[in-house]
C-alpha cells in the first residue's frame, strides 16, 4: 500500500520541472535577482504550488543547488586511481552544463555548500583517495582533502579567471573544450603523480 507521504507521479513531475526551471533562473540571476513568477511560468506551475513544495525562495535555491550537484555527482564517475581522467570528465560536464558551474559559483557567494548536503559522499571520496595514495597511485605528500580541493580549483578556474585574451566559456566551441580538457588532465596528472615517477 502506498504511503500517504509518497508523492504522486504528477506531483513528482511538477517538482522536477520546478527544480529544473529554478536552477536555470538562479544560474542566470542569482538568489537576489531570481524571480519566483518566472520560475513558476517556466515550470508550468503556480507560485502557490511552488511555495507549497519549497516554502520560500531561499529554500528553493538550496533545493535547486542540491538537485544540480546530485546530478553532477551521479553523472561523473569518480575514479580515485585516475584523478586526471576524473578531472577531465568533470570539466567536460561543467563546460556542457553551464547552469551547474554557475549555480555552484552563486552558492559560494551566498554561503551555501552542496557538498555539506552530500558530506558522506565527499568523505567517501576523500577516503578513496587516501587508499589510492597508500596503494601508490597518488603522491602521498598531499592531504587527500587538500588534493580534492585543488582539483576543484583547477576545474573552476576556467570559469572564474579574468579574460586573458582567450575565448570566455560562453564562446567555447568543441575544439576549445577538448583543448582545455587536456590541459586540466595534465595539470592534475602533474599534481597527483607519485614523486618517484617524476
Protein backbone atom coordinates (compact mmCIF):
# COMPACT_ATOMS: atom_id res chain seq x y z
CA UNK A 1 0.00 0.00 0.00
CA UNK A 2 1.45 3.37 -0.95
CA UNK A 3 2.28 5.69 1.95
CA UNK A 4 0.24 8.88 2.26
CA UNK A 5 3.52 10.80 2.23
CA UNK A 6 4.65 9.34 -1.09
CA UNK A 7 4.18 11.98 -3.80
CA UNK A 8 2.07 11.07 -6.79
CA UNK A 9 3.76 10.75 -10.20
CA UNK A 10 2.16 14.05 -11.22
CA UNK A 11 3.44 15.81 -8.09
CA UNK A 12 6.92 14.38 -8.60
CA UNK A 13 6.93 15.56 -12.23
CA UNK A 14 5.82 19.04 -11.18
CA UNK A 15 8.51 19.22 -8.52
CA UNK A 16 11.14 18.15 -11.04
CA UNK A 17 10.00 20.81 -13.51
CA UNK A 18 10.19 23.45 -10.80
CA UNK A 19 13.71 22.41 -9.82
CA UNK A 20 14.93 22.48 -13.43
CA UNK A 21 13.37 25.89 -14.04
CA UNK A 22 14.69 27.19 -10.72
CA UNK A 23 18.23 26.06 -11.47
CA UNK A 24 18.12 27.89 -14.81
CA UNK A 25 16.73 31.05 -13.22
CA UNK A 26 19.12 31.07 -10.27
CA UNK A 27 22.10 30.29 -12.50
CA UNK A 28 21.27 33.31 -14.64
CA UNK A 29 20.28 35.80 -11.93
CA UNK A 30 21.49 34.52 -8.55
CA UNK A 31 19.35 34.28 -5.44
CA UNK A 32 18.63 38.00 -5.15
CA UNK A 33 17.82 38.58 -8.82
CA UNK A 34 15.78 35.44 -9.47
CA UNK A 35 12.02 35.85 -9.82
CA UNK A 36 9.62 33.27 -8.45
CA UNK A 37 6.98 34.22 -11.02
CA UNK A 38 9.41 33.45 -13.87
CA UNK A 39 10.22 30.07 -12.29
CA UNK A 40 6.52 29.28 -11.97
CA UNK A 41 5.87 30.26 -15.58
CA UNK A 42 8.83 28.27 -16.92
CA UNK A 43 7.83 25.18 -14.93
CA UNK A 44 4.16 25.42 -15.94
CA UNK A 45 3.10 25.58 -12.29
CA UNK A 46 1.68 28.20 -9.95
CA UNK A 47 3.53 30.30 -7.40
CA UNK A 48 1.25 28.79 -4.76
CA UNK A 49 2.32 25.28 -5.74
CA UNK A 50 5.98 26.33 -5.72
CA UNK A 51 5.68 27.75 -2.20
CA UNK A 52 3.78 24.67 -1.06
CA UNK A 53 6.65 22.43 -2.17
CA UNK A 54 9.61 24.56 -1.11
CA UNK A 55 8.44 27.18 1.38
CA UNK A 56 10.36 30.23 0.17
CA UNK A 57 12.84 31.36 -2.45
CA UNK A 58 15.95 30.65 -0.37
CA UNK A 59 14.89 27.08 0.32
CA UNK A 60 14.09 26.65 -3.36
CA UNK A 61 17.61 27.88 -4.15
CA UNK A 62 19.04 25.26 -1.78
CA UNK A 63 16.89 22.52 -3.31
CA UNK A 64 17.87 23.53 -6.87
CA UNK A 65 21.54 23.61 -5.86
CA UNK A 66 21.30 20.17 -4.28
CA UNK A 67 19.43 18.84 -7.34
CA UNK A 68 22.14 20.05 -9.70
CA UNK A 69 25.04 18.87 -7.55
CA UNK A 70 23.48 15.44 -7.18
CA UNK A 71 23.17 15.27 -10.97
CA UNK A 72 26.85 16.20 -11.31
CA UNK A 73 27.93 13.58 -8.75
CA UNK A 74 25.88 10.88 -10.45
CA UNK A 75 26.91 11.82 -14.00
CA UNK A 76 30.69 11.89 -13.50
CA UNK A 77 32.17 8.62 -12.27
CA UNK A 78 34.72 9.16 -9.52
CA UNK A 79 37.93 7.26 -10.30
CA UNK A 80 40.39 7.71 -7.41
CA UNK A 81 43.14 5.79 -9.20
CA UNK A 82 42.72 8.02 -12.26
CA UNK A 83 42.13 11.53 -10.94
CA UNK A 84 43.29 13.17 -14.19
CA UNK A 85 40.62 11.22 -16.05
CA UNK A 86 38.02 12.17 -13.45
CA UNK A 87 39.03 15.83 -13.70
CA UNK A 88 38.77 15.81 -17.49
CA UNK A 89 35.32 14.22 -17.40
CA UNK A 90 34.18 16.64 -14.70
CA UNK A 91 35.44 19.58 -16.76
CA UNK A 92 33.57 18.36 -19.83
CA UNK A 93 30.39 18.07 -17.77
CA UNK A 94 30.75 21.59 -16.37
CA UNK A 95 31.56 23.03 -19.79
CA UNK A 96 28.46 21.42 -21.32
CA UNK A 97 26.11 22.02 -18.37
CA UNK A 98 26.77 25.70 -17.75
CA UNK A 99 23.96 26.07 -15.24
CA UNK A 100 25.79 23.67 -12.91
CA UNK A 101 29.01 25.62 -12.55
CA UNK A 102 27.17 28.93 -12.37
CA UNK A 103 24.93 27.61 -9.59
CA UNK A 104 27.97 26.44 -7.64
CA UNK A 105 29.59 29.86 -8.01
CA UNK A 106 26.42 31.63 -6.85
CA UNK A 107 26.23 29.19 -3.93
CA UNK A 108 29.70 30.20 -2.78
CA UNK A 109 28.66 33.84 -2.83
CA UNK A 110 25.50 33.06 -0.86
CA UNK A 111 27.31 30.88 1.69
CA UNK A 112 25.64 27.66 0.56
CA UNK A 113 27.61 24.46 0.03
CA UNK A 114 26.03 21.48 -1.72
CA UNK A 115 28.97 19.38 -0.51
CA UNK A 116 27.56 19.80 3.02
CA UNK A 117 24.35 18.07 1.93
CA UNK A 118 26.44 15.31 0.37
CA UNK A 119 29.11 15.19 3.07
CA UNK A 120 29.11 11.40 3.30
CA UNK A 121 29.67 11.03 -0.43
CA UNK A 122 32.50 13.57 -0.30
CA UNK A 123 34.09 11.87 2.71
CA UNK A 124 33.91 8.53 0.92
CA UNK A 125 35.80 10.11 -1.96
CA UNK A 126 38.46 11.51 0.37
CA UNK A 127 38.88 8.05 1.89
CA UNK A 128 39.14 6.53 -1.59
CA UNK A 129 41.92 9.00 -2.46
CA UNK A 130 43.71 8.10 0.76
CA UNK A 131 43.54 4.42 -0.20
CA UNK A 132 44.86 5.20 -3.69
CA UNK A 133 47.74 7.04 -2.02
CA UNK A 134 48.52 4.01 0.13
CA UNK A 135 48.39 1.86 -2.98
CA UNK A 136 50.94 4.09 -4.71
CA UNK A 137 48.71 5.63 -7.39
CA UNK A 138 48.77 9.18 -5.99
CA UNK A 139 51.51 11.30 -4.44
CA UNK A 140 51.17 10.75 -0.69
CA UNK A 141 52.69 14.13 0.18
CA UNK A 142 49.29 15.77 -0.34
CA UNK A 143 46.49 15.60 2.17
CA UNK A 144 43.59 13.85 0.39
CA UNK A 145 41.07 16.60 1.22
CA UNK A 146 43.54 19.27 0.11
CA UNK A 147 44.10 17.44 -3.13
CA UNK A 148 40.37 17.22 -3.87
CA UNK A 149 40.03 20.94 -3.13
CA UNK A 150 42.84 21.74 -5.56
CA UNK A 151 41.28 19.60 -8.29
CA UNK A 152 38.01 21.51 -7.99
CA UNK A 153 40.05 24.70 -8.02
CA UNK A 154 41.59 23.69 -11.35
CA UNK A 155 38.17 22.82 -12.75
CA UNK A 156 36.51 26.08 -11.77
CA UNK A 157 39.44 28.33 -12.61
CA UNK A 158 38.45 28.16 -16.29
CA UNK A 159 35.08 29.71 -15.46
CA UNK A 160 36.22 32.38 -12.98
CA UNK A 161 39.63 33.62 -14.15
CA UNK A 162 39.59 37.12 -15.74
CA UNK A 163 39.84 37.27 -19.52
CA UNK A 164 43.45 36.69 -20.57
CA UNK A 165 42.85 37.22 -24.24
CA UNK A 166 41.30 33.79 -24.72
CA UNK A 167 37.67 32.96 -25.51
CA UNK A 168 35.39 33.05 -22.47
CA UNK A 169 33.47 29.89 -21.59
CA UNK A 170 30.38 31.29 -23.33
CA UNK A 171 32.35 31.29 -26.60
CA UNK A 172 33.96 27.86 -26.41
CA UNK A 173 33.43 25.53 -29.32
CA UNK A 174 34.01 21.77 -29.14
CA UNK A 175 37.67 22.12 -30.14
CA UNK A 176 38.33 24.64 -27.36
CA UNK A 177 36.59 22.46 -24.77
CA UNK A 178 38.69 19.48 -25.90
CA UNK A 179 41.90 21.52 -25.67
CA UNK A 180 41.15 22.77 -22.19
CA UNK A 181 40.06 19.31 -21.09
CA UNK A 182 43.57 18.06 -21.93
CA UNK A 183 45.14 20.97 -20.04
CA UNK A 184 43.05 20.14 -16.97
CA UNK A 185 44.06 16.49 -17.18
CA UNK A 186 47.76 17.35 -17.48
CA UNK A 187 47.64 19.79 -14.56
CA UNK A 188 46.03 17.19 -12.31
CA UNK A 189 48.39 14.46 -13.54
CA UNK A 190 51.40 16.53 -12.54
CA UNK A 191 49.90 17.18 -9.11
CA UNK A 192 48.99 13.58 -8.28
CA UNK A 193 51.84 11.66 -9.92
CA UNK A 194 53.94 9.90 -7.26
CA UNK A 195 57.25 11.72 -6.88
CA UNK A 196 59.22 8.56 -7.55
CA UNK A 197 57.86 8.60 -11.12
CA UNK A 198 58.87 12.20 -11.87
